[in-house]
């Protein structure tokens, strides 16, 4: 799951101005993978900057 375009698109589509949370990240990654994600997969995602919105985090995902 190195390319997170599907996760980024989902974050931009569903409440893009909402604060980005670890729960939103886990749900997005799991949706993209089609299965529960491991703690290792979660740890490999870019850190969520404090105060970031879902749209801002989506841009970060695409850049990583």
Protein backbone atom coordinates (compact mmCIF):
# COMPACT_ATOMS: atom_id res chain seq x y z
CA UNK A 1 0.00 0.00 0.00
CA UNK A 2 2.64 2.51 -0.95
CA UNK A 3 0.41 4.54 -3.23
CA UNK A 4 -2.50 5.91 -1.20
CA UNK A 5 -4.48 7.61 -3.98
CA UNK A 6 -7.71 5.83 -3.02
CA UNK A 7 -7.32 6.81 0.63
CA UNK A 8 -6.52 10.41 -0.36
CA UNK A 9 -9.57 10.57 -2.61
CA UNK A 10 -11.80 9.23 0.15
CA UNK A 11 -10.50 11.79 2.63
CA UNK A 12 -11.15 14.61 0.17
CA UNK A 13 -14.65 13.32 -0.60
CA UNK A 14 -15.90 12.64 2.94
CA UNK A 15 -15.77 15.77 5.10
CA UNK A 16 -12.60 17.30 3.61
CA UNK A 17 -12.63 20.18 6.12
CA UNK A 18 -12.96 17.88 9.14
CA UNK A 19 -9.93 17.40 11.35
CA UNK A 20 -7.74 14.48 10.34
CA UNK A 21 -7.73 11.81 13.03
CA UNK A 22 -5.97 8.49 13.50
CA UNK A 23 -9.38 6.79 13.22
CA UNK A 24 -9.99 8.36 9.81
CA UNK A 25 -6.55 7.18 8.70
CA UNK A 26 -7.20 3.62 9.82
CA UNK A 27 -10.62 3.53 8.14
CA UNK A 28 -9.18 4.95 4.92
CA UNK A 29 -6.30 2.51 4.81
CA UNK A 30 -8.58 -0.44 5.59
CA UNK A 31 -11.01 0.61 2.89
CA UNK A 32 -8.19 0.85 0.37
CA UNK A 33 -6.76 -2.54 1.38
CA UNK A 34 -10.14 -4.25 1.54
CA UNK A 35 -9.21 -5.77 4.90
CA UNK A 36 -8.17 -4.71 8.39
CA UNK A 37 -4.75 -3.07 8.36
CA UNK A 38 -1.84 -4.00 10.58
CA UNK A 39 -0.17 -1.72 13.07
CA UNK A 40 2.90 -1.83 10.83
CA UNK A 41 0.88 -0.52 7.86
CA UNK A 42 -0.55 2.26 10.01
CA UNK A 43 2.92 3.18 11.27
CA UNK A 44 4.20 3.42 7.67
CA UNK A 45 1.68 6.14 6.80
CA UNK A 46 2.90 9.74 7.10
CA UNK A 47 2.39 11.31 10.51
CA UNK A 48 -0.72 13.45 10.85
CA UNK A 49 0.34 17.08 11.32
CA UNK A 50 -1.33 18.76 14.28
CA UNK A 51 -4.44 20.63 13.17
CA UNK A 52 -4.47 19.14 9.65
CA UNK A 53 -7.77 18.70 7.85
CA UNK A 54 -8.58 15.57 5.89
CA UNK A 55 -7.97 17.45 2.63
CA UNK A 56 -4.56 18.65 3.83
CA UNK A 57 -3.60 15.12 4.87
CA UNK A 58 -4.77 13.81 1.49
CA UNK A 59 -2.31 16.18 -0.20
CA UNK A 60 0.41 14.91 2.13
CA UNK A 61 -0.43 11.30 1.22
CA UNK A 62 -0.20 12.03 -2.48
CA UNK A 63 3.17 13.75 -2.02
CA UNK A 64 4.66 10.86 -0.05
